C-alpha cells in the first residue's frame, strides 16, 4: 500500500497520532512502547520508495527507534521544545540531537499549549521564537523550521467536539480564538515572524532556512521520482 500511495503522489507519511497504532506509539500514550514490528517494516518500505517519515505526534521511543532504523532523514513537522514547555508532545534535548544527527528538521508549532511559559496564559510571538532559537542554539539552524499547524478553516463546532472533547487536558482553557500564540495565529502573520527572527539576530540567509529552506533540503534528499 505504501508503494501505491507513493505512486499516487504521497511523499510524506505521519506514522502516529497521539495514541498507539499498528506502526508505533503516540505521544500521549502510556506506556511508551515505541515502534512495532510492523512499524519497522513500514519505515523500511518508506525509505525504499522515497516517502518522508514524519514523527509529529509520535512518542519519544517511537522517535528514537525510527531515527535509529531509518536510512534517510526524518522530520517532526510540528512540535516544540520540552525544555521550554514541559509537554509530552514536545521534543526532549535527546530527541532534538538525534533528529539533527540524522539530518532531520523540526517544525516549531504555534499551538499555544506547546509554547506556554505560564500554564493557561496564552503565549506570544516572542515565546514562539524562543523555541526556534533554542533548537538553533542546541543543534544548529539547519535543523529548525516552521510547522505552524494553522488550520484557518477550523469551525468552532468541530474544535469543541473533536479537540476539547477528545483532549481536554491538552486544550484546557484555550478556545479557537486563542489556541495559537498571540501575534502568530494565521498565515497573514508570517511577515511578523520574519521581522522577529531578524530582530533576534538571525542572518537573512538563516531566516530563509528556517522559513522553508531546511525542509526543502530534506525533501530533496529523501524524495525519489
Protein backbone atom coordinates (compact mmCIF):
# COMPACT_ATOMS: atom_id res chain seq x y z
CA UNK A 1 0.00 0.00 0.00
CA UNK A 2 2.89 2.39 0.67
CA UNK A 3 4.17 1.81 -2.86
CA UNK A 4 0.68 2.51 -4.21
CA UNK A 5 0.34 5.69 -2.14
CA UNK A 6 3.75 6.83 -3.35
CA UNK A 7 2.76 6.21 -6.96
CA UNK A 8 -0.40 8.27 -6.37
CA UNK A 9 1.78 11.16 -5.21
CA UNK A 10 2.06 10.91 -1.43
CA UNK A 11 5.53 11.98 -0.31
CA UNK A 12 5.16 12.43 3.48
CA UNK A 13 3.65 9.97 5.97
CA UNK A 14 2.89 10.71 9.63
CA UNK A 15 3.15 7.35 11.36
CA UNK A 16 1.28 8.01 14.64
CA UNK A 17 -1.30 10.42 16.01
CA UNK A 18 -1.12 10.69 19.81
CA UNK A 19 -2.36 7.16 20.56
CA UNK A 20 -0.92 3.73 19.77
CA UNK A 21 -1.50 2.32 16.29
CA UNK A 22 -0.23 -0.62 14.25
CA UNK A 23 3.01 1.22 13.43
CA UNK A 24 4.06 2.75 16.74
CA UNK A 25 3.21 4.61 19.90
CA UNK A 26 1.76 8.11 20.00
CA UNK A 27 2.93 10.99 22.16
CA UNK A 28 0.01 10.82 24.62
CA UNK A 29 0.02 7.05 25.07
CA UNK A 30 1.18 5.28 28.25
CA UNK A 31 3.30 3.26 28.49
CA UNK A 32 5.56 4.31 25.63
CA UNK A 33 6.03 1.09 23.66
CA UNK A 34 7.85 2.57 20.64
CA UNK A 35 7.78 1.01 17.18
CA UNK A 36 6.05 -2.29 16.47
CA UNK A 37 7.47 -4.99 14.24
CA UNK A 38 5.05 -3.85 11.54
CA UNK A 39 6.31 -0.31 12.14
CA UNK A 40 9.87 -1.37 11.44
CA UNK A 41 8.68 -2.84 8.13
CA UNK A 42 6.81 0.39 7.34
CA UNK A 43 9.88 2.55 7.95
CA UNK A 44 11.98 0.31 5.71
CA UNK A 45 9.39 0.49 2.92
CA UNK A 46 9.02 4.28 3.22
CA UNK A 47 12.79 4.59 2.91
CA UNK A 48 12.75 2.28 -0.09
CA UNK A 49 10.14 4.21 -2.10
CA UNK A 50 11.31 7.66 -1.01
CA UNK A 51 8.47 8.72 1.28
CA UNK A 52 9.48 11.07 4.09
CA UNK A 53 8.74 9.85 7.63
CA UNK A 54 7.00 12.44 9.84
CA UNK A 55 7.27 11.82 13.59
CA UNK A 56 4.95 14.59 14.78
CA UNK A 57 2.57 13.21 17.42
CA UNK A 58 4.82 10.15 17.91
CA UNK A 59 6.17 9.15 21.30
CA UNK A 60 9.78 9.64 22.39
CA UNK A 61 10.63 5.94 21.98
CA UNK A 62 8.96 5.79 18.58
CA UNK A 63 11.00 8.82 17.54
CA UNK A 64 14.30 7.40 18.76
CA UNK A 65 13.73 3.91 17.34
CA UNK A 66 12.62 5.28 13.97
CA UNK A 67 15.67 7.51 13.69
CA UNK A 68 17.90 4.56 14.56
CA UNK A 69 16.35 2.39 11.85
CA UNK A 70 15.73 4.91 9.10
CA UNK A 71 18.31 5.11 6.32
CA UNK A 72 17.06 8.58 5.36
CA UNK A 73 16.49 11.82 7.27
CA UNK A 74 13.15 12.15 9.05
CA UNK A 75 11.19 15.19 10.16
CA UNK A 76 8.94 16.24 13.02
CA UNK A 77 6.63 18.52 11.09
CA UNK A 78 5.13 20.29 14.10
CA UNK A 79 6.35 20.12 17.71
CA UNK A 80 8.24 22.28 20.20
CA UNK A 81 10.96 22.11 22.85
CA UNK A 82 10.21 20.24 26.07
CA UNK A 83 12.93 22.10 27.99
CA UNK A 84 10.93 25.32 27.45
CA UNK A 85 7.43 23.85 27.77
CA UNK A 86 7.15 20.51 29.55
CA UNK A 87 4.57 18.80 27.37
CA UNK A 88 4.78 15.24 26.08
CA UNK A 89 4.09 16.48 22.53
CA UNK A 90 7.32 18.47 22.68
CA UNK A 91 10.79 17.06 21.99
CA UNK A 92 13.47 16.41 24.58
CA UNK A 93 17.03 17.59 24.00
CA UNK A 94 17.94 13.96 23.38
CA UNK A 95 15.29 13.74 20.69
CA UNK A 96 16.38 17.00 19.09
CA UNK A 97 20.00 15.86 18.96
CA UNK A 98 19.03 12.53 17.41
CA UNK A 99 16.88 14.32 14.84
CA UNK A 100 19.74 16.62 13.91
CA UNK A 101 22.23 13.74 13.76
CA UNK A 102 20.11 12.05 11.07
CA UNK A 103 19.88 15.28 9.08
CA UNK A 104 16.26 15.97 10.03
CA UNK A 105 14.23 19.08 10.82
CA UNK A 106 11.65 20.00 13.46
CA UNK A 107 8.93 22.49 12.55
CA UNK A 108 8.09 24.69 15.53
CA UNK A 109 4.32 24.92 16.02
CA UNK A 110 2.33 27.97 17.05
CA UNK A 111 -0.07 25.88 19.15
CA UNK A 112 -0.43 27.74 22.44
CA UNK A 113 -0.38 24.71 24.79
CA UNK A 114 3.07 23.78 23.42
CA UNK A 115 4.54 27.30 23.72
CA UNK A 116 3.35 28.27 27.21
CA UNK A 117 5.70 29.80 29.72
CA UNK A 118 2.94 30.08 32.35
CA UNK A 119 0.24 27.37 32.41
CA UNK A 120 -3.03 28.68 30.99
CA UNK A 121 -1.59 32.01 29.86
CA UNK A 122 -1.64 32.50 26.10
CA UNK A 123 1.96 32.76 24.84
CA UNK A 124 3.17 35.48 22.50
CA UNK A 125 5.27 35.55 19.33
CA UNK A 126 8.45 36.06 21.39
CA UNK A 127 7.68 32.86 23.31
CA UNK A 128 7.29 31.03 19.99
CA UNK A 129 10.61 32.38 18.73
CA UNK A 130 12.30 31.18 21.93
CA UNK A 131 11.68 27.62 20.69
CA UNK A 132 13.16 28.39 17.27
CA UNK A 133 16.23 29.96 18.87
CA UNK A 134 16.63 27.09 21.36
CA UNK A 135 16.79 24.47 18.60
CA UNK A 136 19.17 26.61 16.54
CA UNK A 137 21.49 27.03 19.54
CA UNK A 138 21.31 23.37 20.56
CA UNK A 139 21.74 21.57 17.23
CA UNK A 140 22.15 24.23 14.55
CA UNK A 141 19.91 26.47 12.48
CA UNK A 142 19.89 23.84 9.70
CA UNK A 143 17.55 21.65 11.77
CA UNK A 144 14.70 24.00 12.63
CA UNK A 145 11.77 25.18 10.55
CA UNK A 146 8.21 26.43 10.83
CA UNK A 147 5.43 23.91 11.47
CA UNK A 148 2.69 26.36 12.33
CA UNK A 149 -0.15 23.77 12.43
CA UNK A 150 -2.50 26.57 11.33
CA UNK A 151 -5.97 25.37 10.42
CA UNK A 152 -7.75 28.53 9.34
CA UNK A 153 -10.73 26.55 8.03
CA UNK A 154 -11.43 25.14 11.51
CA UNK A 155 -15.01 25.58 12.74
CA UNK A 156 -15.93 26.33 16.36
CA UNK A 157 -18.20 23.26 16.43
CA UNK A 158 -15.50 20.88 15.22
CA UNK A 159 -12.92 22.43 17.55
CA UNK A 160 -15.16 21.90 20.55
CA UNK A 161 -16.39 18.43 19.58
CA UNK A 162 -13.12 16.96 18.38
CA UNK A 163 -10.28 18.68 20.23
CA UNK A 164 -11.81 19.81 23.54
CA UNK A 165 -13.92 16.69 23.98
CA UNK A 166 -11.13 14.32 22.98
CA UNK A 167 -8.14 16.13 24.57
CA UNK A 168 -9.41 18.27 27.46
CA UNK A 169 -6.12 18.04 29.35
CA UNK A 170 -4.31 19.42 26.31
CA UNK A 171 -6.74 22.18 25.29
CA UNK A 172 -7.66 23.23 28.87
CA UNK A 173 -8.88 26.86 28.88
CA UNK A 174 -7.99 27.64 25.26
CA UNK A 175 -10.67 28.40 22.70
CA UNK A 176 -10.45 28.57 18.92
CA UNK A 177 -9.53 32.27 19.07
CA UNK A 178 -6.62 31.73 21.48
CA UNK A 179 -5.29 28.25 20.67
CA UNK A 180 -2.47 29.79 18.60
CA UNK A 181 0.09 32.19 20.02
CA UNK A 182 -0.73 35.88 20.25
CA UNK A 183 0.84 37.60 17.24
CA UNK A 184 1.28 34.45 15.15
CA UNK A 185 -2.10 32.83 14.66
CA UNK A 186 -2.62 32.82 10.89
CA UNK A 187 -0.72 32.83 7.62
CA UNK A 188 -1.09 36.61 7.33
CA UNK A 189 1.22 36.93 10.36
CA UNK A 190 4.24 35.29 8.69
CA UNK A 191 5.85 38.71 7.96
CA UNK A 192 5.77 39.38 11.73
CA UNK A 193 7.72 36.18 12.27
CA UNK A 194 10.28 37.10 9.61
CA UNK A 195 10.80 40.53 11.19
CA UNK A 196 11.00 38.98 14.65
CA UNK A 197 13.67 36.47 13.63
CA UNK A 198 15.75 39.24 12.09
CA UNK A 199 15.42 41.26 15.31
CA UNK A 200 16.61 38.20 17.23
CA UNK A 201 19.88 38.34 15.30
CA UNK A 202 19.31 35.62 12.73
CA UNK A 203 21.02 36.46 9.44
CA UNK A 204 18.81 36.76 6.33
CA UNK A 205 20.26 33.51 4.97
CA UNK A 206 19.41 31.75 8.26
CA UNK A 207 15.86 33.11 8.19
CA UNK A 208 15.42 31.67 4.69
CA UNK A 209 16.48 28.27 6.01
CA UNK A 210 14.05 28.50 8.92
CA UNK A 211 11.14 29.66 6.74
CA UNK A 212 11.40 26.71 4.39
CA UNK A 213 14.91 26.10 3.13
CA UNK A 214 15.67 23.39 5.66
CA UNK A 215 12.54 21.42 4.81
CA UNK A 216 13.28 21.77 1.09
CA UNK A 217 16.75 20.35 1.69
CA UNK A 218 15.29 17.25 3.35
CA UNK A 219 12.67 16.84 0.64
CA UNK A 220 15.44 16.90 -1.96
CA UNK A 221 17.40 14.25 -0.04
CA UNK A 222 14.51 11.85 0.57
CA UNK A 223 12.08 12.11 -2.32
CA UNK A 224 12.57 9.93 -5.36
CA UNK A 225 10.97 10.27 -8.79
